[in-house]
Structure formats: C-alpha cells, structure tokens
Amino acid sequence: MADAAMQSAAGNASITLWGRRNSSNVRKVLWCAEEAGVPYTSIEVGGAFGRNDTPEYRALNPNGLVPTMQDGELVLWESNAIVRYLAAQYAPALYPQAPAERALGDRWRDWTTSTFAGVFRDLFWGVLRTPQAERDPARIAAALAHSGDLLARADAALAQQPYLSGAQFAMGDIPLGSFIYAWFEMPIERPELPHLQAWYQRLRARPAYQRGVMTALTRVLRFRSGQHGPWQAPHVLPTRHVAARTQASYIARPNSPRFL
C-alpha cells in the first residue's frame, strides 16, 4: 500500500533540478530522479553555462554550487541530501527501511564523498578538463594510482555481493556509480578490477542510468552573459523525456578530441 502511494506521489510530482549535466554530483541527482520516475525540469547552470552566481540562484543555494532541487516549497542543495530525499519520498525500493540495511549503503555514499571524490577529481580534471600542454603527468599518474587503490576496496566488496547496497540496487550505489562512469570511459590505463567492472555493466543496463549518467563527460557549449534570460532555453529541458536525438548528442565518446 505504501509503495502504491509512493508511486502515485511520483506520478503527480514535478520537480526542478538546477545544474550542468556533466557534473558527477548533478548526475547522481538526475539518475535518482529517473529511478524514481519523477518528472522533472532540468535547468543547466554552472560551468560553461554560468549564472550560478546570480542573485536569483544564490537565493536558492547560497553556496552558488550545483545541484539544487526544488520540490514544491522545499528547496534542497547538497547532492547526497537530494538523493536521500528523492529516494525516501518517491522511490521506497531505493531507501531501505531497516536502519542497519540503510546504513550499509550510507557508508558507501559517505565514503565516495569523503574519501574517493577528491582523489578522483584530480584525475578527471587532469585528463579531461586540462589542455594537453598544461597537464601535469606526475600528478595525473599519482591520482590514477590512488584512485585505483581506493576502487580496489569497492571491488572487494562487490566480490561478495552484486551491489554496494547489498543484494539489491539501492541509493548506496548511486554516488559512486555516478563517478564510475567517467572512470571506465576516460582514456586511461585502468587496473583490473573485475567485480567493479561487472557492477558497472549492471548499472549501464539500467535505463535510468543511461538517461541520467551516460551523457557527455564535458561540453563545449558557451553562452555570453545576458544572451538568455535567467532560466531560459536552450538549456532548459522541460521534462525527463528528452528527445532521443538530443539525448544521443550528449552520449560520451571518450576517444573524441573534445575529451582529450
């Protein structure tokens, strides 16, 4: 009965998500919304899109960072808080009710944020967001080695169970899953982590992962200040049902020069 009520709530809801879709923190929120089946409006801000320092955006998120979510009168920032809310409110299957079971997923969410994300950021920015002439090979190599060592811990856990959350996919898989896409799609020499690879393939098979996460790792779009209004096209996607040709145009091609 509770599940039916949640599904009804998801069908009637419509939320707004602010953030650039090539951000791992935004991806995790989009992915969770897709898993929950909640219709949403995606508004691209931050990075090349800018406008996250405007008074309008700062009124929503005083940090000026992405993502930000609005659901009715509720405004949330911090990606993990948004994921927890979406799962609890709209996707009970993603939000284990038993505290012990939920805590097992929570630890991987917190580990991703506190332990893995900073190390991986050095690798990601060094490989994909830094012009080749400005790259620091030693720093990239160190970040790659450190990232691989950390991911070996997830690989060991996944040798015992199909998901970080346990026997079933749940919200504990979402934070690392949003980063792992870049790990496997970047042009880098990765260590052999077979259980992590198998987990990634299971995630890739999920339609919500394809829609929320498997978009381009970087974009070349640039907008001049004032070219568009605060939240206007072309970077407003009015619902989660993006046209197939638009969605396809953002599928990552990691060997393309735009990623190197």
C-alpha atoms as a PDB file:
ATOM      1  CA  MET A   1       0.000   0.000   0.000  1.00  0.00           C
ATOM      2  CA  ALA A   2       2.844   2.354   0.896  1.00  0.00           C
ATOM      3  CA  ASP A   3       4.588   1.541  -2.393  1.00  0.00           C
ATOM      4  CA  ALA A   4       1.420   2.369  -4.334  1.00  0.00           C
ATOM      5  CA  ALA A   5       1.132   5.686  -2.506  1.00  0.00           C
ATOM      6  CA  MET A   6       4.747   6.491  -3.319  1.00  0.00           C
ATOM      7  CA  GLN A   7       4.228   5.653  -6.978  1.00  0.00           C
ATOM      8  CA  SER A   8       1.133   7.861  -7.066  1.00  0.00           C
ATOM      9  CA  ALA A   9       3.097  10.705  -5.479  1.00  0.00           C
ATOM     10  CA  ALA A  10       5.882  10.287  -8.031  1.00  0.00           C
ATOM     11  CA  GLY A  11       3.402  10.383 -10.879  1.00  0.00           C
ATOM     12  CA  ASN A  12       1.876  13.628  -9.625  1.00  0.00           C
ATOM     13  CA  ALA A  13       5.139  15.337  -8.708  1.00  0.00           C
ATOM     14  CA  SER A  14       7.181  17.694 -10.806  1.00  0.00           C
ATOM     15  CA  ILE A  15      10.491  18.925  -9.501  1.00  0.00           C
ATOM     16  CA  THR A  16      13.093  21.353 -10.794  1.00  0.00           C
ATOM     17  CA  LEU A  17      16.797  20.490 -10.839  1.00  0.00           C
ATOM     18  CA  TRP A  18      19.466  23.126 -11.417  1.00  0.00           C
ATOM     19  CA  GLY A  19      22.947  22.082 -12.531  1.00  0.00           C
ATOM     20  CA  ARG A  20      25.066  21.171 -15.516  1.00  0.00           C
ATOM     21  CA  ARG A  21      24.518  17.601 -16.625  1.00  0.00           C
ATOM     22  CA  ASN A  22      28.250  16.878 -16.975  1.00  0.00           C
ATOM     23  CA  SER A  23      28.762  17.253 -13.211  1.00  0.00           C
ATOM     24  CA  SER A  24      29.011  13.965 -11.296  1.00  0.00           C
ATOM     25  CA  ASN A  25      27.082  15.492  -8.405  1.00  0.00           C
ATOM     26  CA  VAL A  26      24.301  16.571 -10.749  1.00  0.00           C
ATOM     27  CA  ARG A  27      24.337  13.197 -12.484  1.00  0.00           C
ATOM     28  CA  LYS A  28      23.641  11.361  -9.257  1.00  0.00           C
ATOM     29  CA  VAL A  29      20.543  13.501  -8.653  1.00  0.00           C
ATOM     30  CA  LEU A  30      19.284  13.124 -12.236  1.00  0.00           C
ATOM     31  CA  TRP A  31      19.858   9.383 -12.030  1.00  0.00           C
ATOM     32  CA  CYS A  32      17.938   9.106  -8.761  1.00  0.00           C
ATOM     33  CA  ALA A  33      15.062  11.137 -10.199  1.00  0.00           C
ATOM     34  CA  GLU A  34      14.997   8.833 -13.228  1.00  0.00           C
ATOM     35  CA  GLU A  35      14.975   5.741 -10.995  1.00  0.00           C
ATOM     36  CA  ALA A  36      12.112   7.248  -9.003  1.00  0.00           C
ATOM     37  CA  GLY A  37      10.148   8.056 -12.158  1.00  0.00           C
ATOM     38  CA  VAL A  38       9.617  11.652 -11.058  1.00  0.00           C
ATOM     39  CA  PRO A  39       9.013  14.142 -13.890  1.00  0.00           C
ATOM     40  CA  TYR A  40      11.469  16.994 -13.628  1.00  0.00           C
ATOM     41  CA  THR A  41      12.648  20.141 -15.316  1.00  0.00           C
ATOM     42  CA  SER A  42      16.429  20.273 -15.761  1.00  0.00           C
ATOM     43  CA  ILE A  43      17.933  23.763 -15.880  1.00  0.00           C
ATOM     44  CA  GLU A  44      21.593  23.970 -16.881  1.00  0.00           C
ATOM     45  CA  VAL A  45      23.640  26.297 -14.700  1.00  0.00           C
ATOM     46  CA  GLY A  46      27.259  26.297 -13.588  1.00  0.00           C
ATOM     47  CA  GLY A  47      30.436  25.666 -15.539  1.00  0.00           C
ATOM     48  CA  ALA A  48      30.157  26.818 -19.143  1.00  0.00           C
ATOM     49  CA  PHE A  49      26.539  27.814 -18.538  1.00  0.00           C
ATOM     50  CA  GLY A  50      27.379  30.157 -15.667  1.00  0.00           C
ATOM     51  CA  ARG A  51      24.641  32.046 -13.804  1.00  0.00           C
ATOM     52  CA  ASN A  52      25.198  30.205 -10.540  1.00  0.00           C
ATOM     53  CA  ASP A  53      26.435  33.498  -9.031  1.00  0.00           C
ATOM     54  CA  THR A  54      23.290  35.425  -9.892  1.00  0.00           C
ATOM     55  CA  PRO A  55      21.099  36.765  -7.072  1.00  0.00           C
ATOM     56  CA  GLU A  56      18.257  34.531  -8.286  1.00  0.00           C
ATOM     57  CA  TYR A  57      20.330  31.381  -7.976  1.00  0.00           C
ATOM     58  CA  ARG A  58      22.018  32.440  -4.730  1.00  0.00           C
ATOM     59  CA  ALA A  59      18.561  32.888  -3.240  1.00  0.00           C
ATOM     60  CA  LEU A  60      18.040  29.170  -3.844  1.00  0.00           C
ATOM     61  CA  ASN A  61      21.559  27.997  -2.989  1.00  0.00           C
ATOM     62  CA  PRO A  62      23.741  30.428  -1.015  1.00  0.00           C
ATOM     63  CA  ASN A  63      26.819  28.362  -1.879  1.00  0.00           C
ATOM     64  CA  GLY A  64      26.438  29.064  -5.596  1.00  0.00           C
ATOM     65  CA  LEU A  65      27.157  25.407  -6.361  1.00  0.00           C
ATOM     66  CA  VAL A  66      25.227  22.671  -8.162  1.00  0.00           C
ATOM     67  CA  PRO A  67      22.943  20.816  -7.889  1.00  0.00           C
ATOM     68  CA  THR A  68      19.912  22.489  -6.377  1.00  0.00           C
ATOM     69  CA  MET A  69      16.459  20.920  -6.276  1.00  0.00           C
ATOM     70  CA  GLN A  70      13.029  22.426  -5.719  1.00  0.00           C
ATOM     71  CA  ASP A  71      10.003  20.273  -4.986  1.00  0.00           C
ATOM     72  CA  GLY A  72       7.033  22.486  -4.212  1.00  0.00           C
ATOM     73  CA  GLU A  73       8.117  24.799  -1.407  1.00  0.00           C
ATOM     74  CA  LEU A  74      11.102  22.628  -0.490  1.00  0.00           C
ATOM     75  CA  VAL A  75      14.490  23.767  -1.785  1.00  0.00           C
ATOM     76  CA  LEU A  76      17.474  21.482  -1.215  1.00  0.00           C
ATOM     77  CA  TRP A  77      21.155  21.671  -2.080  1.00  0.00           C
ATOM     78  CA  GLU A  78      23.931  19.117  -1.489  1.00  0.00           C
ATOM     79  CA  SER A  79      23.629  16.180  -3.852  1.00  0.00           C
ATOM     80  CA  ASN A  80      23.581  13.438  -1.216  1.00  0.00           C
ATOM     81  CA  ALA A  81      20.794  15.182   0.688  1.00  0.00           C
ATOM     82  CA  ILE A  82      18.795  15.428  -2.533  1.00  0.00           C
ATOM     83  CA  VAL A  83      19.348  11.738  -3.320  1.00  0.00           C
ATOM     84  CA  ARG A  84      18.205  10.739   0.168  1.00  0.00           C
ATOM     85  CA  TYR A  85      15.108  12.907  -0.148  1.00  0.00           C
ATOM     86  CA  LEU A  86      14.137  11.638  -3.600  1.00  0.00           C
ATOM     87  CA  ALA A  87      14.615   8.027  -2.547  1.00  0.00           C
ATOM     88  CA  ALA A  88      12.678   8.410   0.706  1.00  0.00           C
ATOM     89  CA  GLN A  89       9.876  10.460  -0.837  1.00  0.00           C
ATOM     90  CA  TYR A  90       9.401   8.811  -4.226  1.00  0.00           C
ATOM     91  CA  ALA A  91      11.344   5.543  -4.507  1.00  0.00           C
ATOM     92  CA  PRO A  92      10.949   3.292  -1.450  1.00  0.00           C
ATOM     93  CA  ALA A  93      12.805   0.457  -3.157  1.00  0.00           C
ATOM     94  CA  LEU A  94      15.913   2.666  -3.150  1.00  0.00           C
ATOM     95  CA  TYR A  95      15.547   3.611   0.519  1.00  0.00           C
ATOM     96  CA  PRO A  96      15.822   0.546   2.789  1.00  0.00           C
ATOM     97  CA  GLN A  97      13.539   0.836   5.796  1.00  0.00           C
ATOM     98  CA  ALA A  98      15.711  -1.236   8.136  1.00  0.00           C
ATOM     99  CA  PRO A  99      18.277   1.117   9.717  1.00  0.00           C
ATOM    100  CA  ALA A 100      21.089  -1.438   9.541  1.00  0.00           C
ATOM    101  CA  GLU A 101      20.454  -2.177   5.868  1.00  0.00           C
ATOM    102  CA  ARG A 102      20.225   1.512   5.052  1.00  0.00           C
ATOM    103  CA  ALA A 103      23.453   2.226   6.942  1.00  0.00           C
ATOM    104  CA  LEU A 104      25.357  -0.287   4.804  1.00  0.00           C
ATOM    105  CA  GLY A 105      24.542   1.809   1.747  1.00  0.00           C
ATOM    106  CA  ASP A 106      25.084   5.080   3.599  1.00  0.00           C
ATOM    107  CA  ARG A 107      28.697   4.199   4.325  1.00  0.00           C
ATOM    108  CA  TRP A 108      29.497   3.894   0.612  1.00  0.00           C
ATOM    109  CA  ARG A 109      27.761   7.173  -0.110  1.00  0.00           C
ATOM    110  CA  ASP A 110      29.804   8.909   2.588  1.00  0.00           C
ATOM    111  CA  TRP A 111      32.996   7.114   1.536  1.00  0.00           C
ATOM    112  CA  THR A 112      32.528   8.294  -2.024  1.00  0.00           C
ATOM    113  CA  THR A 113      32.208  11.906  -0.898  1.00  0.00           C
ATOM    114  CA  SER A 114      34.834  11.986   1.843  1.00  0.00           C
ATOM    115  CA  THR A 115      37.472   9.574   0.525  1.00  0.00           C
ATOM    116  CA  PHE A 116      37.168   8.970  -3.211  1.00  0.00           C
ATOM    117  CA  ALA A 117      35.769  12.116  -4.824  1.00  0.00           C
ATOM    118  CA  GLY A 118      38.686  14.454  -4.087  1.00  0.00           C
ATOM    119  CA  VAL A 119      41.286  12.000  -5.353  1.00  0.00           C
ATOM    120  CA  PHE A 120      39.302  11.194  -8.470  1.00  0.00           C
ATOM    121  CA  ARG A 121      38.715  14.882  -9.167  1.00  0.00           C
ATOM    122  CA  ASP A 122      42.468  15.381  -9.649  1.00  0.00           C
ATOM    123  CA  LEU A 123      42.489  12.565 -12.200  1.00  0.00           C
ATOM    124  CA  PHE A 124      39.337  13.667 -14.006  1.00  0.00           C
ATOM    125  CA  TRP A 125      40.346  17.309 -14.301  1.00  0.00           C
ATOM    126  CA  GLY A 126      43.897  16.410 -15.220  1.00  0.00           C
ATOM    127  CA  VAL A 127      42.817  14.145 -18.080  1.00  0.00           C
ATOM    128  CA  LEU A 128      39.625  15.739 -19.392  1.00  0.00           C
ATOM    129  CA  ARG A 129      39.441  19.348 -18.269  1.00  0.00           C
ATOM    130  CA  THR A 130      43.067  20.485 -18.648  1.00  0.00           C
ATOM    131  CA  PRO A 131      44.597  21.396 -22.032  1.00  0.00           C
ATOM    132  CA  GLN A 132      47.216  18.839 -23.010  1.00  0.00           C
ATOM    133  CA  ALA A 133      50.039  21.396 -22.908  1.00  0.00           C
ATOM    134  CA  GLU A 134      49.170  22.271 -19.304  1.00  0.00           C
ATOM    135  CA  ARG A 135      48.779  18.759 -17.892  1.00  0.00           C
ATOM    136  CA  ASP A 136      50.936  17.527 -15.020  1.00  0.00           C
ATOM    137  CA  PRO A 137      51.753  13.889 -15.901  1.00  0.00           C
ATOM    138  CA  ALA A 138      53.164  13.110 -12.450  1.00  0.00           C
ATOM    139  CA  ARG A 139      50.072  14.406 -10.685  1.00  0.00           C
ATOM    140  CA  ILE A 140      47.792  12.529 -13.077  1.00  0.00           C
ATOM    141  CA  ALA A 141      49.760   9.307 -12.543  1.00  0.00           C
ATOM    142  CA  ALA A 142      49.567   9.708  -8.765  1.00  0.00           C
ATOM    143  CA  ALA A 143      45.824  10.371  -8.888  1.00  0.00           C
ATOM    144  CA  LEU A 144      45.312   7.357 -11.159  1.00  0.00           C
ATOM    145  CA  ALA A 145      47.240   5.061  -8.822  1.00  0.00           C
ATOM    146  CA  HIS A 146      45.454   6.391  -5.744  1.00  0.00           C
ATOM    147  CA  SER A 147      42.032   6.133  -7.401  1.00  0.00           C
ATOM    148  CA  GLY A 148      42.757   2.550  -8.406  1.00  0.00           C
ATOM    149  CA  ASP A 149      43.826   1.659  -4.864  1.00  0.00           C
ATOM    150  CA  LEU A 150      40.630   3.125  -3.455  1.00  0.00           C
ATOM    151  CA  LEU A 151      38.417   1.430  -6.021  1.00  0.00           C
ATOM    152  CA  ALA A 152      40.018  -1.891  -5.124  1.00  0.00           C
ATOM    153  CA  ARG A 153      38.110  -1.586  -1.836  1.00  0.00           C
ATOM    154  CA  ALA A 154      34.827  -1.320  -3.706  1.00  0.00           C
ATOM    155  CA  ASP A 155      35.914  -4.204  -5.939  1.00  0.00           C
ATOM    156  CA  ALA A 156      36.495  -6.370  -2.858  1.00  0.00           C
ATOM    157  CA  ALA A 157      33.035  -5.540  -1.517  1.00  0.00           C
ATOM    158  CA  LEU A 158      31.454  -6.298  -4.883  1.00  0.00           C
ATOM    159  CA  ALA A 159      33.136  -9.695  -4.921  1.00  0.00           C
ATOM    160  CA  GLN A 160      30.750 -10.599  -2.090  1.00  0.00           C
ATOM    161  CA  GLN A 161      27.527  -9.020  -3.351  1.00  0.00           C
ATOM    162  CA  PRO A 162      26.141  -7.643  -6.632  1.00  0.00           C
ATOM    163  CA  TYR A 163      25.650  -4.083  -5.369  1.00  0.00           C
ATOM    164  CA  LEU A 164      27.313  -1.804  -2.868  1.00  0.00           C
ATOM    165  CA  SER A 165      23.929  -1.570  -1.156  1.00  0.00           C
ATOM    166  CA  GLY A 166      23.744  -5.360  -0.834  1.00  0.00           C
ATOM    167  CA  ALA A 167      21.736  -7.933  -2.748  1.00  0.00           C
ATOM    168  CA  GLN A 168      19.598  -5.274  -4.441  1.00  0.00           C
ATOM    169  CA  PHE A 169      20.353  -1.951  -6.100  1.00  0.00           C
ATOM    170  CA  ALA A 170      19.591   0.991  -3.790  1.00  0.00           C
ATOM    171  CA  MET A 171      20.643   4.562  -3.102  1.00  0.00           C
ATOM    172  CA  GLY A 172      24.005   3.439  -1.704  1.00  0.00           C
ATOM    173  CA  ASP A 173      25.068   2.598  -5.263  1.00  0.00           C
ATOM    174  CA  ILE A 174      24.238   5.999  -6.714  1.00  0.00           C
ATOM    175  CA  PRO A 175      27.115   8.255  -5.545  1.00  0.00           C
ATOM    176  CA  LEU A 176      29.995   6.011  -6.634  1.00  0.00           C
ATOM    177  CA  GLY A 177      28.027   4.874  -9.671  1.00  0.00           C
ATOM    178  CA  SER A 178      27.865   8.457 -10.908  1.00  0.00           C
ATOM    179  CA  PHE A 179      31.671   8.725 -10.752  1.00  0.00           C
ATOM    180  CA  ILE A 180      32.435   5.265 -12.076  1.00  0.00           C
ATOM    181  CA  TYR A 181      31.079   6.158 -15.498  1.00  0.00           C
ATOM    182  CA  ALA A 182      33.969   8.568 -16.033  1.00  0.00           C
ATOM    183  CA  TRP A 183      36.462   6.067 -14.577  1.00  0.00           C
ATOM    184  CA  PHE A 184      35.594   3.489 -17.213  1.00  0.00           C
ATOM    185  CA  GLU A 185      35.076   5.886 -20.125  1.00  0.00           C
ATOM    186  CA  MET A 186      38.141   8.120 -19.771  1.00  0.00           C
ATOM    187  CA  PRO A 187      41.215   7.333 -21.924  1.00  0.00           C
ATOM    188  CA  ILE A 188      43.341   5.977 -19.043  1.00  0.00           C
ATOM    189  CA  GLU A 189      45.133   2.739 -18.195  1.00  0.00           C
ATOM    190  CA  ARG A 190      42.925   1.147 -15.547  1.00  0.00           C
ATOM    191  CA  PRO A 191      43.905  -1.651 -13.177  1.00  0.00           C
ATOM    192  CA  GLU A 192      41.984  -4.902 -13.442  1.00  0.00           C
ATOM    193  CA  LEU A 193      39.005  -4.680 -11.100  1.00  0.00           C
ATOM    194  CA  PRO A 194      36.655  -7.371 -12.427  1.00  0.00           C
ATOM    195  CA  HIS A 195      33.920  -7.061  -9.813  1.00  0.00           C
ATOM    196  CA  LEU A 196      33.805  -3.293 -10.195  1.00  0.00           C
ATOM    197  CA  GLN A 197      33.615  -3.761 -13.970  1.00  0.00           C
ATOM    198  CA  ALA A 198      30.733  -6.229 -13.614  1.00  0.00           C
ATOM    199  CA  TRP A 199      28.904  -3.813 -11.310  1.00  0.00           C
ATOM    200  CA  TYR A 200      29.401  -1.022 -13.843  1.00  0.00           C
ATOM    201  CA  GLN A 201      27.917  -3.200 -16.571  1.00  0.00           C
ATOM    202  CA  ARG A 202      24.879  -3.852 -14.383  1.00  0.00           C
ATOM    203  CA  LEU A 203      24.466  -0.116 -13.875  1.00  0.00           C
ATOM    204  CA  ARG A 204      24.860   0.574 -17.609  1.00  0.00           C
ATOM    205  CA  ALA A 205      21.968  -1.792 -18.296  1.00  0.00           C
ATOM    206  CA  ARG A 206      19.606   0.368 -16.233  1.00  0.00           C
ATOM    207  CA  PRO A 207      17.584   2.791 -18.412  1.00  0.00           C
ATOM    208  CA  ALA A 208      17.668   5.401 -15.634  1.00  0.00           C
ATOM    209  CA  TYR A 209      21.476   5.242 -15.579  1.00  0.00           C
ATOM    210  CA  GLN A 210      21.599   5.682 -19.334  1.00  0.00           C
ATOM    211  CA  ARG A 211      19.402   8.782 -19.136  1.00  0.00           C
ATOM    212  CA  GLY A 212      20.819  10.347 -16.000  1.00  0.00           C
ATOM    213  CA  VAL A 213      24.515   9.487 -16.110  1.00  0.00           C
ATOM    214  CA  MET A 214      25.635   8.435 -19.579  1.00  0.00           C
ATOM    215  CA  THR A 215      25.880  11.909 -21.060  1.00  0.00           C
ATOM    216  CA  ALA A 216      28.993  13.644 -22.336  1.00  0.00           C
ATOM    217  CA  LEU A 217      31.828  13.947 -19.845  1.00  0.00           C
ATOM    218  CA  THR A 218      32.402  17.516 -20.938  1.00  0.00           C
ATOM    219  CA  ARG A 219      30.750  20.048 -23.202  1.00  0.00           C
ATOM    220  CA  VAL A 220      31.921  22.818 -25.454  1.00  0.00           C
ATOM    221  CA  LEU A 221      28.795  24.974 -25.166  1.00  0.00           C
ATOM    222  CA  ARG A 222      29.447  28.596 -24.223  1.00  0.00           C
ATOM    223  CA  PHE A 223      26.906  31.325 -23.601  1.00  0.00           C
ATOM    224  CA  ARG A 224      27.688  35.014 -23.439  1.00  0.00           C
ATOM    225  CA  SER A 225      26.482  36.773 -20.326  1.00  0.00           C
ATOM    226  CA  GLY A 226      22.968  38.042 -20.877  1.00  0.00           C
ATOM    227  CA  GLN A 227      22.438  36.029 -24.064  1.00  0.00           C
ATOM    228  CA  HIS A 228      19.485  34.291 -22.459  1.00  0.00           C
ATOM    229  CA  GLY A 229      17.248  35.068 -19.527  1.00  0.00           C
ATOM    230  CA  PRO A 230      17.942  33.613 -16.086  1.00  0.00           C
ATOM    231  CA  TRP A 231      16.351  30.189 -16.680  1.00  0.00           C
ATOM    232  CA  GLN A 232      15.513  30.117 -20.378  1.00  0.00           C
ATOM    233  CA  ALA A 233      16.249  27.916 -23.369  1.00  0.00           C
ATOM    234  CA  PRO A 234      18.331  26.397 -24.800  1.00  0.00           C
ATOM    235  CA  HIS A 235      19.491  24.856 -21.537  1.00  0.00           C
ATOM    236  CA  VAL A 236      16.088  24.129 -20.015  1.00  0.00           C
ATOM    237  CA  LEU A 237      14.943  20.542 -20.537  1.00  0.00           C
ATOM    238  CA  PRO A 238      11.235  20.676 -19.676  1.00  0.00           C
ATOM    239  CA  THR A 239      10.721  17.045 -18.686  1.00  0.00           C
ATOM    240  CA  ARG A 240      12.716  13.896 -18.145  1.00  0.00           C
ATOM    241  CA  HIS A 241      11.531  12.656 -21.551  1.00  0.00           C
ATOM    242  CA  VAL A 242      14.297  14.223 -23.608  1.00  0.00           C
ATOM    243  CA  ALA A 243      14.086  13.732 -27.366  1.00  0.00           C
ATOM    244  CA  ALA A 244      16.152  10.754 -28.468  1.00  0.00           C
ATOM    245  CA  ARG A 245      18.269  12.732 -30.883  1.00  0.00           C
ATOM    246  CA  THR A 246      19.053  15.352 -28.215  1.00  0.00           C
ATOM    247  CA  GLN A 247      19.933  12.681 -25.692  1.00  0.00           C
ATOM    248  CA  ALA A 248      22.116  10.858 -28.207  1.00  0.00           C
ATOM    249  CA  SER A 249      24.071  14.008 -28.961  1.00  0.00           C
ATOM    250  CA  TYR A 250      25.370  14.011 -25.388  1.00  0.00           C
ATOM    251  CA  ILE A 251      26.451  10.384 -25.180  1.00  0.00           C
ATOM    252  CA  ALA A 252      30.137  10.369 -24.321  1.00  0.00           C
ATOM    253  CA  ARG A 253      32.672   9.393 -26.921  1.00  0.00           C
ATOM    254  CA  PRO A 254      35.819   9.269 -24.772  1.00  0.00           C
ATOM    255  CA  ASN A 255      38.233   8.905 -27.683  1.00  0.00           C
ATOM    256  CA  SER A 256      36.948  12.031 -29.378  1.00  0.00           C
ATOM    257  CA  PRO A 257      39.336  15.021 -29.411  1.00  0.00           C
ATOM    258  CA  ARG A 258      36.833  17.004 -27.366  1.00  0.00           C
ATOM    259  CA  PHE A 259      37.653  14.740 -24.408  1.00  0.00           C
ATOM    260  CA  LEU A 260      41.446  14.726 -24.766  1.00  0.00           C
END
